[in-house]
Amino acid sequence: MAAGHSVDPAGWQAVFDDVMDRVAGRFARVEPRRTARVFVSGLLSDVKSKTCWGLAEQAGYARPDAMQRLLRTARWDADAVRDDVRGFVVARLAHPDAVLVVDETGDLKKGTHSVGVQRQYTGTAGRIENAQVGVFLAYASPRGRALADRRLYLPASWTDDPDRCTAAGFPPARYSPRNRSWPAT
């Protein structure tokens, strides 16, 4: 029988609580702070559908409103949360053999209104498809691995069209046309 990974539930819960305590102050109100905790717990669970509906059902909510509100209108600083988590990761996983891993992934889309969507090559499909592309940076060491940063790739069809950007709900000043990226908040 092959040896597998085992998880100490109490240890895992203590680490989860530590991370969530570190980022708690980044949320302006207690409600989004609680929702963020449930949201992240759902993302780490084995629930099949990692949508707001799926995560809400996992948490015992009748509707996804709280999850959607967290992502759409709640006041919190995603970059500050990222920095807090990154500090935690480096402190926990620091090792001289650590590396940074850059990877892009495409999210296939049917419409054209989601930020950054256009027909473009994505490895997800292995061909040109209507997709949104994210670029991710991970920290990996013999002690473990974790996401360290993220950016949404913006094709010229977006960066060259300020009206389209505004209609999608983000001001054109938020992105950098030089590197065609936009902080994913």
Protein backbone atom coordinates (compact mmCIF):
# COMPACT_ATOMS: atom_id res chain seq x y z
CA MET A 1 0.00 0.00 0.00
CA ALA A 2 1.43 3.37 -1.02
CA ALA A 3 2.04 5.97 1.65
CA GLY A 4 -0.16 9.02 1.28
CA HIS A 5 -0.48 12.43 2.78
CA SER A 6 -2.26 12.79 6.05
CA VAL A 7 -3.71 15.94 7.53
CA ASP A 8 -3.89 16.73 11.19
CA PRO A 9 -7.33 18.39 11.42
CA ALA A 10 -6.52 20.32 14.59
CA GLY A 11 -3.22 21.55 13.13
CA TRP A 12 -4.88 22.48 9.85
CA GLN A 13 -7.60 24.41 11.71
CA ALA A 14 -4.98 26.29 13.76
CA VAL A 15 -3.12 27.36 10.59
CA PHE A 16 -6.39 28.37 8.91
CA ASP A 17 -7.41 30.39 11.97
CA ASP A 18 -4.00 32.09 12.06
CA VAL A 19 -4.24 33.15 8.42
CA MET A 20 -7.81 34.38 8.76
CA ASP A 21 -6.89 36.31 11.94
CA ARG A 22 -4.05 37.99 10.04
CA VAL A 23 -6.37 39.28 7.31
CA ALA A 24 -9.41 40.05 9.48
CA GLY A 25 -8.50 43.72 9.87
CA ARG A 26 -8.52 44.21 6.08
CA PHE A 27 -12.33 44.04 6.08
CA ALA A 28 -14.20 47.22 6.99
CA ARG A 29 -17.12 45.34 8.58
CA VAL A 30 -17.60 42.12 10.53
CA GLU A 31 -20.10 40.65 8.01
CA PRO A 32 -17.68 40.49 5.06
CA ARG A 33 -14.98 39.25 7.45
CA ARG A 34 -17.21 36.31 8.41
CA THR A 35 -18.23 35.71 4.81
CA ALA A 36 -14.57 35.73 3.71
CA ARG A 37 -13.80 33.05 6.28
CA VAL A 38 -16.65 30.85 5.02
CA PHE A 39 -15.75 31.60 1.40
CA VAL A 40 -12.09 30.58 1.83
CA SER A 41 -13.10 27.51 3.82
CA GLY A 42 -15.38 26.53 0.92
CA LEU A 43 -12.61 27.05 -1.62
CA LEU A 44 -10.39 24.70 0.39
CA SER A 45 -13.15 22.09 0.73
CA ASP A 46 -13.92 19.26 -1.66
CA VAL A 47 -17.15 20.91 -2.85
CA LYS A 48 -17.43 20.35 -6.62
CA SER A 49 -18.83 23.73 -7.64
CA LYS A 50 -16.58 26.57 -6.47
CA THR A 51 -19.10 29.18 -7.59
CA CYS A 52 -20.85 31.55 -5.20
CA TRP A 53 -23.89 29.24 -5.34
CA GLY A 54 -21.80 26.14 -4.59
CA LEU A 55 -19.88 27.79 -1.78
CA ALA A 56 -23.06 29.24 -0.27
CA GLU A 57 -24.72 25.81 -0.29
CA GLN A 58 -21.60 24.29 1.31
CA ALA A 59 -21.85 26.90 4.08
CA GLY A 60 -25.56 26.24 4.63
CA TYR A 61 -26.77 29.52 3.11
CA ALA A 62 -30.04 29.51 1.18
CA ARG A 63 -28.74 31.99 -1.40
CA PRO A 64 -25.33 33.19 -2.68
CA ASP A 65 -26.00 36.86 -1.89
CA ALA A 66 -23.38 37.17 0.88
CA MET A 67 -20.69 35.53 -1.28
CA GLN A 68 -21.54 37.72 -4.27
CA ARG A 69 -21.59 40.84 -2.10
CA LEU A 70 -18.13 39.96 -0.74
CA LEU A 71 -16.72 39.78 -4.26
CA ARG A 72 -18.68 42.65 -5.78
CA THR A 73 -19.25 45.45 -3.27
CA ALA A 74 -17.77 44.70 0.16
CA ARG A 75 -15.00 47.09 1.24
CA TRP A 76 -11.70 45.26 1.61
CA ASP A 77 -8.21 45.59 0.22
CA ALA A 78 -7.36 42.53 -1.88
CA ASP A 79 -3.73 43.61 -2.32
CA ALA A 80 -3.28 44.04 1.44
CA VAL A 81 -4.83 40.59 2.04
CA ARG A 82 -2.44 39.17 -0.57
CA ASP A 83 0.49 40.83 1.20
CA ASP A 84 -0.61 39.46 4.58
CA VAL A 85 -0.95 35.93 3.21
CA ARG A 86 2.33 36.21 1.32
CA GLY A 87 4.10 37.25 4.55
CA PHE A 88 2.58 34.26 6.33
CA VAL A 89 3.61 31.91 3.51
CA VAL A 90 7.20 33.13 3.38
CA ALA A 91 7.53 32.88 7.17
CA ARG A 92 6.09 29.34 7.18
CA LEU A 93 7.61 27.94 4.00
CA ALA A 94 10.93 29.80 3.72
CA HIS A 95 13.70 27.57 2.45
CA PRO A 96 16.95 28.18 0.52
CA ASP A 97 15.71 25.89 -2.28
CA ALA A 98 12.43 27.78 -2.72
CA VAL A 99 11.43 28.92 -6.21
CA LEU A 100 8.84 31.21 -7.74
CA VAL A 101 6.60 29.57 -10.33
CA VAL A 102 4.80 31.66 -12.97
CA ASP A 103 1.83 30.14 -14.79
CA GLU A 104 -1.06 31.38 -16.84
CA THR A 105 -4.44 29.79 -17.11
CA GLY A 106 -7.45 30.52 -19.21
CA ASP A 107 -11.04 30.58 -18.06
CA LEU A 108 -13.33 29.77 -20.98
CA LYS A 109 -16.16 32.29 -21.32
CA LYS A 110 -19.28 32.42 -23.45
CA GLY A 111 -19.91 36.19 -23.43
CA THR A 112 -17.73 39.22 -24.08
CA HIS A 113 -18.55 41.40 -21.07
CA SER A 114 -16.25 39.88 -18.42
CA VAL A 115 -13.07 41.93 -18.07
CA GLY A 116 -10.31 40.76 -20.42
CA VAL A 117 -12.42 38.32 -22.41
CA GLN A 118 -11.71 37.90 -26.10
CA ARG A 119 -10.86 35.12 -28.53
CA GLN A 120 -7.30 34.16 -27.59
CA TYR A 121 -5.12 31.11 -27.15
CA THR A 122 -5.54 29.35 -23.86
CA GLY A 123 -3.83 26.18 -22.73
CA THR A 124 -7.04 25.26 -20.91
CA ALA A 125 -8.63 24.47 -24.28
CA GLY A 126 -5.39 23.94 -26.23
CA ARG A 127 -6.60 26.33 -28.95
CA ILE A 128 -8.00 29.81 -29.57
CA GLU A 129 -11.26 30.23 -27.64
CA ASN A 130 -13.28 32.98 -26.04
CA ALA A 131 -11.46 33.23 -22.71
CA GLN A 132 -10.18 35.33 -19.84
CA VAL A 133 -6.50 34.76 -18.98
CA GLY A 134 -4.98 35.05 -15.54
CA VAL A 135 -1.28 34.97 -14.69
CA PHE A 136 -0.34 33.50 -11.32
CA LEU A 137 2.81 33.50 -9.20
CA ALA A 138 3.35 30.72 -6.68
CA TYR A 139 6.01 30.23 -4.00
CA ALA A 140 7.21 26.63 -3.77
CA SER A 141 9.66 25.11 -1.33
CA PRO A 142 10.29 21.67 0.15
CA ARG A 143 8.04 22.83 3.03
CA GLY A 144 5.02 23.48 0.80
CA ARG A 145 3.61 25.82 -1.83
CA ALA A 146 1.16 28.68 -2.02
CA LEU A 147 -0.17 31.32 -4.36
CA ALA A 148 1.81 34.57 -4.01
CA ASP A 149 0.24 36.94 -6.57
CA ARG A 150 -2.14 37.21 -9.50
CA ARG A 151 -2.87 39.45 -12.49
CA LEU A 152 -5.56 39.47 -15.10
CA TYR A 153 -4.16 39.73 -18.63
CA LEU A 154 -5.84 42.49 -20.64
CA PRO A 155 -5.65 42.17 -24.43
CA ALA A 156 -5.38 45.31 -26.60
CA SER A 157 -9.10 44.99 -27.41
CA TRP A 158 -9.59 46.07 -23.77
CA THR A 159 -6.67 48.40 -23.07
CA ASP A 160 -7.35 50.39 -26.24
CA ASP A 161 -11.05 50.85 -25.43
CA PRO A 162 -11.62 53.00 -22.30
CA ASP A 163 -15.41 52.96 -22.86
CA ARG A 164 -15.45 49.16 -22.77
CA CYS A 165 -13.39 49.22 -19.57
CA THR A 166 -15.75 51.68 -17.94
CA ALA A 167 -18.82 49.68 -19.01
CA ALA A 168 -17.28 46.58 -17.40
CA GLY A 169 -17.03 48.42 -14.09
CA PHE A 170 -13.39 49.34 -13.74
CA PRO A 171 -11.75 52.66 -14.53
CA PRO A 172 -9.18 52.53 -17.35
CA ALA A 173 -6.62 54.18 -15.02
CA ARG A 174 -6.46 50.95 -12.96
CA TYR A 175 -4.51 49.00 -15.54
CA SER A 176 -1.07 49.39 -17.00
CA PRO A 177 -1.19 49.40 -20.82
CA ARG A 178 2.60 48.88 -20.85
CA ASN A 179 2.34 45.40 -19.38
CA ARG A 180 -1.33 44.80 -20.17
CA SER A 181 -2.24 43.67 -16.71
CA TRP A 182 -4.82 44.67 -14.18
CA PRO A 183 -4.76 43.81 -10.50
CA ALA A 184 -7.44 41.19 -9.93
CA THR A 185 -9.47 42.64 -7.08
